[in-house]
Amino acid sequence: MGANFFDMSYESVESLITDKHNIMSDKTILPHQFVNSTIMPNQLKEHNIVIIHVKPSSILVKLEGVEPNGMTFEKESKNGFLYHILQRSNQGDSYFLKISNNDDQVAQIDAIIGEDPFLSKNCNVSYGIKCNIVQMSMGMVAFGIIMFVTGVFFGLRDFKKDQRLGKK
């Protein structure tokens, strides 16, 4: 539930971004093809978000990236929307992105990058609860994990108790 809450909050983040840059505008990707992009260090703030809109929204688009430290990430679109959070590298290196069209139809994409208002602590109080939504969703995820582990513990304890009673 917390993870879905987190994703839903980022579906509305674009209107809160004050400083955004286009990575791609109305870029056409043919079926089973891809486009590449590089995000230069001077385009990055401390906490950043890449947002990709896909038209038509039913097309499955995959974002793959290489971080400056060599780590990779990948995400797939959901209902024509895709986002990924990036943190500026202390090494001052670039991010490399690959956006693939994994469908049999032509896709149109728009991609922007901007400072993440939720993580940068530059969220305006007038946005209301949206400023705290990331922290709330992380808390919900942590609470869910704790409850899951607790449930497993009690389940195992009851299972062992039942086994001991069955032996008697």
C-alpha atoms as a PDB file:
ATOM      1  CA  MET A   1       0.000   0.000   0.000  1.00  0.00           C
ATOM      2  CA  GLY A   2       2.843   2.399   0.874  1.00  0.00           C
ATOM      3  CA  ALA A   3       4.624   1.682  -2.408  1.00  0.00           C
ATOM      4  CA  ASN A   4       1.427   2.394  -4.391  1.00  0.00           C
ATOM      5  CA  PHE A   5       0.913   5.577  -2.384  1.00  0.00           C
ATOM      6  CA  PHE A   6       4.489   6.571  -3.242  1.00  0.00           C
ATOM      7  CA  ASP A   7       3.924   5.928  -6.981  1.00  0.00           C
ATOM      8  CA  MET A   8       0.627   7.828  -6.957  1.00  0.00           C
ATOM      9  CA  SER A   9       2.316  10.851  -5.391  1.00  0.00           C
ATOM     10  CA  TYR A  10       4.830  10.982  -8.230  1.00  0.00           C
ATOM     11  CA  GLU A  11       2.086  10.897 -10.862  1.00  0.00           C
ATOM     12  CA  SER A  12       1.164  14.427  -9.740  1.00  0.00           C
ATOM     13  CA  VAL A  13       4.673  15.751  -9.047  1.00  0.00           C
ATOM     14  CA  GLU A  14       5.197  17.376 -12.448  1.00  0.00           C
ATOM     15  CA  SER A  15       3.044  20.387 -11.599  1.00  0.00           C
ATOM     16  CA  LEU A  16       5.173  20.978  -8.473  1.00  0.00           C
ATOM     17  CA  ILE A  17       8.532  21.020 -10.277  1.00  0.00           C
ATOM     18  CA  THR A  18       9.723  24.608 -10.640  1.00  0.00           C
ATOM     19  CA  ASP A  19      12.906  24.096 -12.664  1.00  0.00           C
ATOM     20  CA  LYS A  20      12.431  21.505 -15.421  1.00  0.00           C
ATOM     21  CA  HIS A  21      14.399  20.736 -18.553  1.00  0.00           C
ATOM     22  CA  ASN A  22      13.258  18.818 -21.607  1.00  0.00           C
ATOM     23  CA  ILE A  23      15.223  15.689 -22.356  1.00  0.00           C
ATOM     24  CA  MET A  24      12.995  14.721 -25.306  1.00  0.00           C
ATOM     25  CA  SER A  25       9.900  16.321 -26.812  1.00  0.00           C
ATOM     26  CA  ASP A  26       7.495  14.419 -29.068  1.00  0.00           C
ATOM     27  CA  LYS A  27      10.196  11.839 -29.787  1.00  0.00           C
ATOM     28  CA  THR A  28       8.995   8.961 -31.960  1.00  0.00           C
ATOM     29  CA  ILE A  29      10.206   5.469 -31.129  1.00  0.00           C
ATOM     30  CA  LEU A  30       9.454   2.790 -33.680  1.00  0.00           C
ATOM     31  CA  PRO A  31       8.260  -0.644 -32.523  1.00  0.00           C
ATOM     32  CA  HIS A  32      11.018  -2.636 -30.786  1.00  0.00           C
ATOM     33  CA  GLN A  33      13.494   0.258 -31.185  1.00  0.00           C
ATOM     34  CA  PHE A  34      15.055   2.622 -28.645  1.00  0.00           C
ATOM     35  CA  VAL A  35      16.469   6.099 -28.175  1.00  0.00           C
ATOM     36  CA  ASN A  36      19.393   7.173 -26.005  1.00  0.00           C
ATOM     37  CA  SER A  37      19.949  10.275 -23.935  1.00  0.00           C
ATOM     38  CA  THR A  38      22.654  11.604 -21.656  1.00  0.00           C
ATOM     39  CA  ILE A  39      21.985  13.723 -18.605  1.00  0.00           C
ATOM     40  CA  MET A  40      24.945  15.963 -17.988  1.00  0.00           C
ATOM     41  CA  PRO A  41      26.073  16.884 -14.449  1.00  0.00           C
ATOM     42  CA  ASN A  42      25.204  20.563 -14.976  1.00  0.00           C
ATOM     43  CA  GLN A  43      21.537  19.566 -15.541  1.00  0.00           C
ATOM     44  CA  LEU A  44      21.309  17.950 -12.109  1.00  0.00           C
ATOM     45  CA  LYS A  45      20.334  19.346  -8.726  1.00  0.00           C
ATOM     46  CA  GLU A  46      20.901  17.382  -5.497  1.00  0.00           C
ATOM     47  CA  HIS A  47      17.679  15.338  -5.930  1.00  0.00           C
ATOM     48  CA  ASN A  48      16.180  14.948  -9.409  1.00  0.00           C
ATOM     49  CA  ILE A  49      13.304  13.220 -11.079  1.00  0.00           C
ATOM     50  CA  VAL A  50      13.008  12.037 -14.673  1.00  0.00           C
ATOM     51  CA  ILE A  51       9.409  11.895 -15.906  1.00  0.00           C
ATOM     52  CA  ILE A  52       8.397  10.207 -19.149  1.00  0.00           C
ATOM     53  CA  HIS A  53       4.952  10.416 -20.740  1.00  0.00           C
ATOM     54  CA  VAL A  54       4.049   7.828 -23.387  1.00  0.00           C
ATOM     55  CA  LYS A  55       1.416   8.182 -26.128  1.00  0.00           C
ATOM     56  CA  PRO A  56      -0.638   6.124 -26.589  1.00  0.00           C
ATOM     57  CA  SER A  57      -0.691   5.227 -22.910  1.00  0.00           C
ATOM     58  CA  SER A  58      -1.191   1.513 -23.604  1.00  0.00           C
ATOM     59  CA  ILE A  59       2.295   1.130 -25.111  1.00  0.00           C
ATOM     60  CA  LEU A  60       4.905  -0.543 -22.909  1.00  0.00           C
ATOM     61  CA  VAL A  61       8.049   1.567 -22.699  1.00  0.00           C
ATOM     62  CA  LYS A  62      11.127   0.594 -20.705  1.00  0.00           C
ATOM     63  CA  LEU A  63      13.647   2.992 -19.178  1.00  0.00           C
ATOM     64  CA  GLU A  64      17.138   1.636 -18.627  1.00  0.00           C
ATOM     65  CA  GLY A  65      19.925   3.701 -17.178  1.00  0.00           C
ATOM     66  CA  VAL A  66      23.533   3.648 -16.109  1.00  0.00           C
ATOM     67  CA  GLU A  67      24.465   5.734 -13.093  1.00  0.00           C
ATOM     68  CA  PRO A  68      27.855   7.464 -12.810  1.00  0.00           C
ATOM     69  CA  ASN A  69      29.062   4.769 -10.396  1.00  0.00           C
ATOM     70  CA  GLY A  70      28.291   2.048 -12.962  1.00  0.00           C
ATOM     71  CA  MET A  71      25.108   0.774 -11.297  1.00  0.00           C
ATOM     72  CA  THR A  72      22.165   0.159 -13.614  1.00  0.00           C
ATOM     73  CA  PHE A  73      18.430   0.577 -13.189  1.00  0.00           C
ATOM     74  CA  GLU A  74      15.353  -0.210 -15.241  1.00  0.00           C
ATOM     75  CA  LYS A  75      11.665   0.610 -15.005  1.00  0.00           C
ATOM     76  CA  GLU A  76       8.626   0.032 -17.207  1.00  0.00           C
ATOM     77  CA  SER A  77       5.807   2.432 -17.957  1.00  0.00           C
ATOM     78  CA  LYS A  78       2.406   2.091 -16.367  1.00  0.00           C
ATOM     79  CA  ASN A  79      -0.585   3.744 -18.043  1.00  0.00           C
ATOM     80  CA  GLY A  80       1.632   5.997 -20.142  1.00  0.00           C
ATOM     81  CA  PHE A  81       3.663   7.289 -17.204  1.00  0.00           C
ATOM     82  CA  LEU A  82       7.147   6.488 -15.993  1.00  0.00           C
ATOM     83  CA  TYR A  83       9.430   8.170 -13.470  1.00  0.00           C
ATOM     84  CA  HIS A  84      12.796   7.596 -11.874  1.00  0.00           C
ATOM     85  CA  ILE A  85      14.563   9.464  -9.067  1.00  0.00           C
ATOM     86  CA  LEU A  86      18.203  10.424  -9.638  1.00  0.00           C
ATOM     87  CA  GLN A  87      20.696  11.841  -7.200  1.00  0.00           C
ATOM     88  CA  ARG A  88      23.526  14.076  -8.364  1.00  0.00           C
ATOM     89  CA  SER A  89      26.828  12.235  -8.388  1.00  0.00           C
ATOM     90  CA  ASN A  90      29.655  13.550  -6.230  1.00  0.00           C
ATOM     91  CA  GLN A  91      31.995  12.433  -9.037  1.00  0.00           C
ATOM     92  CA  GLY A  92      30.361  14.884 -11.434  1.00  0.00           C
ATOM     93  CA  ASP A  93      29.708  12.234 -14.108  1.00  0.00           C
ATOM     94  CA  SER A  94      26.745  11.840 -16.455  1.00  0.00           C
ATOM     95  CA  TYR A  95      23.746   9.493 -16.417  1.00  0.00           C
ATOM     96  CA  PHE A  96      23.070   7.474 -19.576  1.00  0.00           C
ATOM     97  CA  LEU A  97      19.454   6.645 -20.420  1.00  0.00           C
ATOM     98  CA  LYS A  98      17.931   4.252 -22.934  1.00  0.00           C
ATOM     99  CA  ILE A  99      14.190   4.347 -23.592  1.00  0.00           C
ATOM    100  CA  SER A 100      12.884   1.271 -25.441  1.00  0.00           C
ATOM    101  CA  ASN A 101       9.550   0.722 -27.150  1.00  0.00           C
ATOM    102  CA  ASN A 102       8.658  -2.893 -26.317  1.00  0.00           C
ATOM    103  CA  ASP A 103       5.423  -2.811 -28.289  1.00  0.00           C
ATOM    104  CA  ASP A 104       4.255  -3.415 -31.868  1.00  0.00           C
ATOM    105  CA  GLN A 105       3.027   0.193 -32.251  1.00  0.00           C
ATOM    106  CA  VAL A 106       4.843   3.492 -32.676  1.00  0.00           C
ATOM    107  CA  ALA A 107       5.302   5.414 -29.417  1.00  0.00           C
ATOM    108  CA  GLN A 108       5.558   9.164 -28.843  1.00  0.00           C
ATOM    109  CA  ILE A 109       7.400  10.185 -25.695  1.00  0.00           C
ATOM    110  CA  ASP A 110       8.057  13.357 -23.786  1.00  0.00           C
ATOM    111  CA  ALA A 111      10.778  13.263 -21.139  1.00  0.00           C
ATOM    112  CA  ILE A 112      11.725  15.949 -18.639  1.00  0.00           C
ATOM    113  CA  ILE A 113      14.097  16.240 -15.707  1.00  0.00           C
ATOM    114  CA  GLY A 114      13.731  18.545 -12.752  1.00  0.00           C
ATOM    115  CA  GLU A 115      14.451  18.980  -9.090  1.00  0.00           C
ATOM    116  CA  ASP A 116      12.382  16.573  -6.987  1.00  0.00           C
ATOM    117  CA  PRO A 117      10.295  18.853  -4.742  1.00  0.00           C
ATOM    118  CA  PHE A 118       9.552  16.045  -2.266  1.00  0.00           C
ATOM    119  CA  LEU A 119      13.136  14.979  -1.575  1.00  0.00           C
ATOM    120  CA  SER A 120      14.871  18.341  -2.026  1.00  0.00           C
ATOM    121  CA  LYS A 121      12.979  19.891   0.902  1.00  0.00           C
ATOM    122  CA  ASN A 122      12.021  22.761  -1.425  1.00  0.00           C
ATOM    123  CA  CYS A 123       8.375  21.810  -1.335  1.00  0.00           C
ATOM    124  CA  ASN A 124       6.126  24.818  -0.850  1.00  0.00           C
ATOM    125  CA  VAL A 125       3.775  24.616   2.147  1.00  0.00           C
ATOM    126  CA  SER A 126       0.897  25.669  -0.116  1.00  0.00           C
ATOM    127  CA  TYR A 127       1.087  22.209  -1.733  1.00  0.00           C
ATOM    128  CA  GLY A 128      -0.367  20.841   1.496  1.00  0.00           C
ATOM    129  CA  ILE A 129       0.048  17.181   2.371  1.00  0.00           C
ATOM    130  CA  LYS A 130       1.838  16.483  -0.921  1.00  0.00           C
ATOM    131  CA  CYS A 131       5.068  17.796   0.649  1.00  0.00           C
ATOM    132  CA  ASN A 132       5.061  14.967   3.195  1.00  0.00           C
ATOM    133  CA  ILE A 133       3.739  12.214   0.960  1.00  0.00           C
ATOM    134  CA  VAL A 134       7.132  10.571   0.328  1.00  0.00           C
ATOM    135  CA  GLN A 135       7.970  10.386   4.033  1.00  0.00           C
ATOM    136  CA  MET A 136       4.471   9.076   4.786  1.00  0.00           C
ATOM    137  CA  SER A 137       4.671   6.383   2.126  1.00  0.00           C
ATOM    138  CA  MET A 138       8.151   5.314   3.292  1.00  0.00           C
ATOM    139  CA  GLY A 139       6.767   5.061   6.817  1.00  0.00           C
ATOM    140  CA  MET A 140       3.895   2.924   5.547  1.00  0.00           C
ATOM    141  CA  VAL A 141       6.318   0.608   3.721  1.00  0.00           C
ATOM    142  CA  ALA A 142       8.511   0.296   6.846  1.00  0.00           C
ATOM    143  CA  PHE A 143       5.437  -0.378   8.996  1.00  0.00           C
ATOM    144  CA  GLY A 144       4.264  -3.023   6.508  1.00  0.00           C
ATOM    145  CA  ILE A 145       7.634  -4.775   6.599  1.00  0.00           C
ATOM    146  CA  ILE A 146       7.629  -4.771  10.411  1.00  0.00           C
ATOM    147  CA  MET A 147       4.092  -6.180  10.474  1.00  0.00           C
ATOM    148  CA  PHE A 148       5.039  -8.865   7.934  1.00  0.00           C
ATOM    149  CA  VAL A 149       8.082  -9.968   9.965  1.00  0.00           C
ATOM    150  CA  THR A 150       5.972  -9.948  13.142  1.00  0.00           C
ATOM    151  CA  GLY A 151       3.319 -12.059  11.414  1.00  0.00           C
ATOM    152  CA  VAL A 152       5.915 -14.585  10.252  1.00  0.00           C
ATOM    153  CA  PHE A 153       7.350 -14.770  13.784  1.00  0.00           C
ATOM    154  CA  PHE A 154       3.934 -15.435  15.365  1.00  0.00           C
ATOM    155  CA  GLY A 155       3.026 -17.881  12.605  1.00  0.00           C
ATOM    156  CA  LEU A 156       6.205 -19.893  13.179  1.00  0.00           C
ATOM    157  CA  ARG A 157       5.694 -19.817  16.939  1.00  0.00           C
ATOM    158  CA  ASP A 158       2.128 -21.129  16.606  1.00  0.00           C
ATOM    159  CA  PHE A 159       3.256 -23.765  14.099  1.00  0.00           C
ATOM    160  CA  LYS A 160       5.909 -25.045  16.519  1.00  0.00           C
ATOM    161  CA  LYS A 161       3.373 -25.008  19.366  1.00  0.00           C
ATOM    162  CA  ASP A 162       0.946 -27.073  17.256  1.00  0.00           C
ATOM    163  CA  GLN A 163       3.720 -29.547  16.399  1.00  0.00           C
ATOM    164  CA  ARG A 164       4.581 -30.008  20.099  1.00  0.00           C
ATOM    165  CA  LEU A 165       0.922 -30.552  21.005  1.00  0.00           C
ATOM    166  CA  GLY A 166       0.571 -33.064  18.134  1.00  0.00           C
ATOM    167  CA  LYS A 167       3.469 -35.145  19.487  1.00  0.00           C
ATOM    168  CA  LYS A 168       1.868 -35.502  22.943  1.00  0.00           C
END
